Amino acid sequence: MPSSTSHIYRGADYLLGILTLLLGGLLLFWAASFLQPVQVPPASPGSYHYIAHLEDIAPGTSISFDLEGRPWLLVRTRDDDITAVSGYCTYRESRVRWDSANEIFWCQGHGSTFGHRGHLINGLAPSPLETLRIRIVDNRIYGARGRS
């Protein structure tokens, strides 16, 4: 037959377990409040939009993203230069891709090539690729359309 003290110990263990879970939950809730992303104001002409974290894009690579319903490419060159360009060529809006070996953009539709900052190198495109203004704050990359 169990003694009455073993019931007390089991009850104390139970209460200690509940208290530990509650304190742990409060600690996690408090810690998560520091992990919230930076708030970017609502879209308006010239406002900055969060694109990616700096660690999401390795040197020499690109990532694609959508902004205002259009495709864009974010590029980080091997020299750590970061640029965002429209995913559409200025000639018939064919899609452009990043050639990491040569660090240029090329149009899939007709072969125009553009430098890593979107300037026209060669081809039928009438103008450079549209670029975004880039800001990096706390290792977060933001972009905005329009002139600086």
C-alpha atoms as a PDB file:
ATOM      1  CA  MET A   1       0.000   0.000   0.000  1.00  0.00           C
ATOM      2  CA  PRO A   2       1.501   3.349  -1.016  1.00  0.00           C
ATOM      3  CA  SER A   3       2.172   5.882   1.668  1.00  0.00           C
ATOM      4  CA  SER A   4       0.482   9.265   1.738  1.00  0.00           C
ATOM      5  CA  THR A   5       3.836  10.999   1.198  1.00  0.00           C
ATOM      6  CA  SER A   6       4.232   9.357  -2.240  1.00  0.00           C
ATOM      7  CA  HIS A   7       0.917  11.008  -3.266  1.00  0.00           C
ATOM      8  CA  ILE A   8       2.295  14.343  -2.128  1.00  0.00           C
ATOM      9  CA  TYR A   9       5.478  13.874  -4.165  1.00  0.00           C
ATOM     10  CA  ARG A  10       3.480  12.882  -7.256  1.00  0.00           C
ATOM     11  CA  GLY A  11       1.247  15.932  -6.837  1.00  0.00           C
ATOM     12  CA  ALA A  12       4.261  18.218  -6.395  1.00  0.00           C
ATOM     13  CA  ASP A  13       5.917  16.710  -9.496  1.00  0.00           C
ATOM     14  CA  TYR A  14       2.706  17.273 -11.446  1.00  0.00           C
ATOM     15  CA  LEU A  15       2.470  20.929 -10.341  1.00  0.00           C
ATOM     16  CA  LEU A  16       6.154  21.476 -11.049  1.00  0.00           C
ATOM     17  CA  GLY A  17       5.684  20.049 -14.543  1.00  0.00           C
ATOM     18  CA  ILE A  18       2.750  22.363 -15.283  1.00  0.00           C
ATOM     19  CA  LEU A  19       4.661  25.363 -13.929  1.00  0.00           C
ATOM     20  CA  THR A  20       7.667  24.473 -16.094  1.00  0.00           C
ATOM     21  CA  LEU A  21       5.492  24.216 -19.207  1.00  0.00           C
ATOM     22  CA  LEU A  22       3.851  27.579 -18.493  1.00  0.00           C
ATOM     23  CA  LEU A  23       7.161  29.345 -17.901  1.00  0.00           C
ATOM     24  CA  GLY A  24       8.680  27.719 -20.980  1.00  0.00           C
ATOM     25  CA  GLY A  25       5.725  28.858 -23.098  1.00  0.00           C
ATOM     26  CA  LEU A  26       6.034  32.406 -21.796  1.00  0.00           C
ATOM     27  CA  LEU A  27       9.761  32.398 -22.523  1.00  0.00           C
ATOM     28  CA  LEU A  28       9.179  31.176 -26.097  1.00  0.00           C
ATOM     29  CA  PHE A  29       6.460  33.788 -26.657  1.00  0.00           C
ATOM     30  CA  TRP A  30       8.796  36.522 -25.403  1.00  0.00           C
ATOM     31  CA  ALA A  31      11.708  35.290 -27.574  1.00  0.00           C
ATOM     32  CA  ALA A  32       9.483  35.036 -30.672  1.00  0.00           C
ATOM     33  CA  SER A  33       8.562  38.709 -30.347  1.00  0.00           C
ATOM     34  CA  PHE A  34      12.168  39.543 -31.309  1.00  0.00           C
ATOM     35  CA  LEU A  35      11.991  37.383 -34.454  1.00  0.00           C
ATOM     36  CA  GLN A  36       9.233  39.399 -36.127  1.00  0.00           C
ATOM     37  CA  PRO A  37      10.215  40.696 -39.598  1.00  0.00           C
ATOM     38  CA  VAL A  38      10.829  44.375 -40.096  1.00  0.00           C
ATOM     39  CA  GLN A  39       7.556  46.085 -40.939  1.00  0.00           C
ATOM     40  CA  VAL A  40       7.594  47.719 -44.366  1.00  0.00           C
ATOM     41  CA  PRO A  41       5.020  50.427 -45.049  1.00  0.00           C
ATOM     42  CA  PRO A  42       2.183  49.615 -47.478  1.00  0.00           C
ATOM     43  CA  ALA A  43       2.986  49.847 -51.161  1.00  0.00           C
ATOM     44  CA  SER A  44       3.084  53.329 -52.610  1.00  0.00           C
ATOM     45  CA  PRO A  45       5.175  54.819 -55.420  1.00  0.00           C
ATOM     46  CA  GLY A  46       8.799  54.715 -54.378  1.00  0.00           C
ATOM     47  CA  SER A  47       8.214  52.717 -51.182  1.00  0.00           C
ATOM     48  CA  TYR A  48      10.625  49.938 -50.275  1.00  0.00           C
ATOM     49  CA  HIS A  49       9.541  46.282 -50.231  1.00  0.00           C
ATOM     50  CA  TYR A  50      11.276  43.430 -48.430  1.00  0.00           C
ATOM     51  CA  ILE A  51      12.917  41.087 -50.952  1.00  0.00           C
ATOM     52  CA  ALA A  52      15.165  38.658 -49.083  1.00  0.00           C
ATOM     53  CA  HIS A  53      17.654  38.200 -46.288  1.00  0.00           C
ATOM     54  CA  LEU A  54      21.286  38.716 -47.301  1.00  0.00           C
ATOM     55  CA  GLU A  55      22.092  35.116 -46.309  1.00  0.00           C
ATOM     56  CA  ASP A  56      19.416  33.850 -48.753  1.00  0.00           C
ATOM     57  CA  ILE A  57      21.542  34.783 -51.754  1.00  0.00           C
ATOM     58  CA  ALA A  58      25.105  33.521 -52.058  1.00  0.00           C
ATOM     59  CA  PRO A  59      27.734  35.452 -54.049  1.00  0.00           C
ATOM     60  CA  GLY A  60      27.479  34.640 -57.767  1.00  0.00           C
ATOM     61  CA  THR A  61      23.807  33.604 -57.616  1.00  0.00           C
ATOM     62  CA  SER A  62      20.354  35.026 -58.233  1.00  0.00           C
ATOM     63  CA  ILE A  63      16.886  34.508 -56.850  1.00  0.00           C
ATOM     64  CA  SER A  64      13.572  35.366 -58.459  1.00  0.00           C
ATOM     65  CA  PHE A  65      10.752  37.178 -56.690  1.00  0.00           C
ATOM     66  CA  ASP A  66       7.492  38.941 -57.519  1.00  0.00           C
ATOM     67  CA  LEU A  67       6.875  42.621 -56.917  1.00  0.00           C
ATOM     68  CA  GLU A  68       3.585  44.266 -57.811  1.00  0.00           C
ATOM     69  CA  GLY A  69       2.598  41.227 -59.874  1.00  0.00           C
ATOM     70  CA  ARG A  70       5.759  41.183 -62.025  1.00  0.00           C
ATOM     71  CA  PRO A  71       8.799  38.883 -61.945  1.00  0.00           C
ATOM     72  CA  TRP A  72      12.159  40.286 -60.815  1.00  0.00           C
ATOM     73  CA  LEU A  73      15.650  38.872 -60.339  1.00  0.00           C
ATOM     74  CA  LEU A  74      17.852  39.693 -57.372  1.00  0.00           C
ATOM     75  CA  VAL A  75      21.542  39.116 -58.096  1.00  0.00           C
ATOM     76  CA  ARG A  76      24.582  39.056 -55.870  1.00  0.00           C
ATOM     77  CA  THR A  77      27.779  39.071 -57.920  1.00  0.00           C
ATOM     78  CA  ARG A  78      30.961  37.337 -56.832  1.00  0.00           C
ATOM     79  CA  ASP A  79      32.179  40.838 -55.819  1.00  0.00           C
ATOM     80  CA  ASP A  80      29.111  41.225 -53.513  1.00  0.00           C
ATOM     81  CA  ASP A  81      27.386  43.812 -55.720  1.00  0.00           C
ATOM     82  CA  ILE A  82      23.617  43.442 -55.263  1.00  0.00           C
ATOM     83  CA  THR A  83      21.168  44.420 -58.013  1.00  0.00           C
ATOM     84  CA  ALA A  84      17.504  43.729 -58.731  1.00  0.00           C
ATOM     85  CA  VAL A  85      16.276  43.843 -62.330  1.00  0.00           C
ATOM     86  CA  SER A  86      12.994  43.209 -64.081  1.00  0.00           C
ATOM     87  CA  GLY A  87      12.469  39.620 -65.164  1.00  0.00           C
ATOM     88  CA  TYR A  88      11.199  40.909 -68.533  1.00  0.00           C
ATOM     89  CA  CYS A  89      13.349  42.125 -71.407  1.00  0.00           C
ATOM     90  CA  THR A  90      12.577  45.557 -72.833  1.00  0.00           C
ATOM     91  CA  TYR A  91      12.124  43.938 -76.271  1.00  0.00           C
ATOM     92  CA  ARG A  92       8.764  42.133 -76.453  1.00  0.00           C
ATOM     93  CA  GLU A  93       8.840  41.317 -72.731  1.00  0.00           C
ATOM     94  CA  SER A  94      10.574  37.968 -73.115  1.00  0.00           C
ATOM     95  CA  ARG A  95      11.884  36.494 -69.870  1.00  0.00           C
ATOM     96  CA  VAL A  96      15.484  37.162 -68.881  1.00  0.00           C
ATOM     97  CA  ARG A  97      17.738  34.773 -66.975  1.00  0.00           C
ATOM     98  CA  TRP A  98      20.960  35.199 -65.011  1.00  0.00           C
ATOM     99  CA  ASP A  99      24.115  33.623 -66.452  1.00  0.00           C
ATOM    100  CA  SER A 100      26.223  33.181 -63.318  1.00  0.00           C
ATOM    101  CA  ALA A 101      29.348  32.037 -65.179  1.00  0.00           C
ATOM    102  CA  ASN A 102      29.564  35.306 -67.151  1.00  0.00           C
ATOM    103  CA  GLU A 103      27.634  37.451 -64.656  1.00  0.00           C
ATOM    104  CA  ILE A 104      25.232  38.773 -67.285  1.00  0.00           C
ATOM    105  CA  PHE A 105      21.508  38.635 -67.955  1.00  0.00           C
ATOM    106  CA  TRP A 106      20.321  37.188 -71.250  1.00  0.00           C
ATOM    107  CA  CYS A 107      16.957  37.277 -72.946  1.00  0.00           C
ATOM    108  CA  GLN A 108      15.485  33.882 -73.737  1.00  0.00           C
ATOM    109  CA  GLY A 109      13.393  35.296 -76.576  1.00  0.00           C
ATOM    110  CA  HIS A 110      16.006  36.895 -78.809  1.00  0.00           C
ATOM    111  CA  GLY A 111      19.388  36.720 -77.072  1.00  0.00           C
ATOM    112  CA  SER A 112      19.960  40.307 -75.934  1.00  0.00           C
ATOM    113  CA  THR A 113      22.517  40.480 -73.148  1.00  0.00           C
ATOM    114  CA  PHE A 114      22.647  42.880 -70.223  1.00  0.00           C
ATOM    115  CA  GLY A 115      25.321  43.641 -67.642  1.00  0.00           C
ATOM    116  CA  HIS A 116      24.847  42.737 -63.992  1.00  0.00           C
ATOM    117  CA  ARG A 117      23.341  46.195 -63.349  1.00  0.00           C
ATOM    118  CA  GLY A 118      20.856  45.826 -66.215  1.00  0.00           C
ATOM    119  CA  HIS A 119      22.652  47.918 -68.867  1.00  0.00           C
ATOM    120  CA  LEU A 120      22.340  46.727 -72.482  1.00  0.00           C
ATOM    121  CA  ILE A 121      25.444  44.990 -73.823  1.00  0.00           C
ATOM    122  CA  ASN A 122      24.192  43.557 -77.104  1.00  0.00           C
ATOM    123  CA  GLY A 123      20.994  42.672 -78.963  1.00  0.00           C
ATOM    124  CA  LEU A 124      17.620  43.987 -80.116  1.00  0.00           C
ATOM    125  CA  ALA A 125      16.481  45.389 -76.759  1.00  0.00           C
ATOM    126  CA  PRO A 126      15.808  49.136 -77.098  1.00  0.00           C
ATOM    127  CA  SER A 127      16.784  50.017 -73.530  1.00  0.00           C
ATOM    128  CA  PRO A 128      18.322  48.651 -70.326  1.00  0.00           C
ATOM    129  CA  LEU A 129      16.408  46.433 -67.917  1.00  0.00           C
ATOM    130  CA  GLU A 130      14.375  48.220 -65.277  1.00  0.00           C
ATOM    131  CA  THR A 131      16.185  48.135 -61.928  1.00  0.00           C
ATOM    132  CA  LEU A 132      15.120  48.654 -58.345  1.00  0.00           C
ATOM    133  CA  ARG A 133      16.774  50.922 -55.824  1.00  0.00           C
ATOM    134  CA  ILE A 134      18.303  48.624 -53.205  1.00  0.00           C
ATOM    135  CA  ARG A 135      18.742  49.197 -49.489  1.00  0.00           C
ATOM    136  CA  ILE A 136      20.186  46.740 -47.007  1.00  0.00           C
ATOM    137  CA  VAL A 137      19.077  47.187 -43.398  1.00  0.00           C
ATOM    138  CA  ASP A 138      20.037  44.666 -40.697  1.00  0.00           C
ATOM    139  CA  ASN A 139      21.037  42.147 -43.417  1.00  0.00           C
ATOM    140  CA  ARG A 140      17.579  42.439 -45.017  1.00  0.00           C
ATOM    141  CA  ILE A 141      17.400  43.486 -48.659  1.00  0.00           C
ATOM    142  CA  TYR A 142      14.701  45.987 -49.701  1.00  0.00           C
ATOM    143  CA  GLY A 143      13.907  47.319 -53.157  1.00  0.00           C
ATOM    144  CA  ALA A 144      11.879  50.215 -54.530  1.00  0.00           C
ATOM    145  CA  ARG A 145      10.805  51.201 -58.015  1.00  0.00           C
ATOM    146  CA  GLY A 146      11.417  54.674 -59.367  1.00  0.00           C
ATOM    147  CA  ARG A 147      14.325  57.043 -59.321  1.00  0.00           C
ATOM    148  CA  SER A 148      16.372  57.790 -56.224  1.00  0.00           C
END
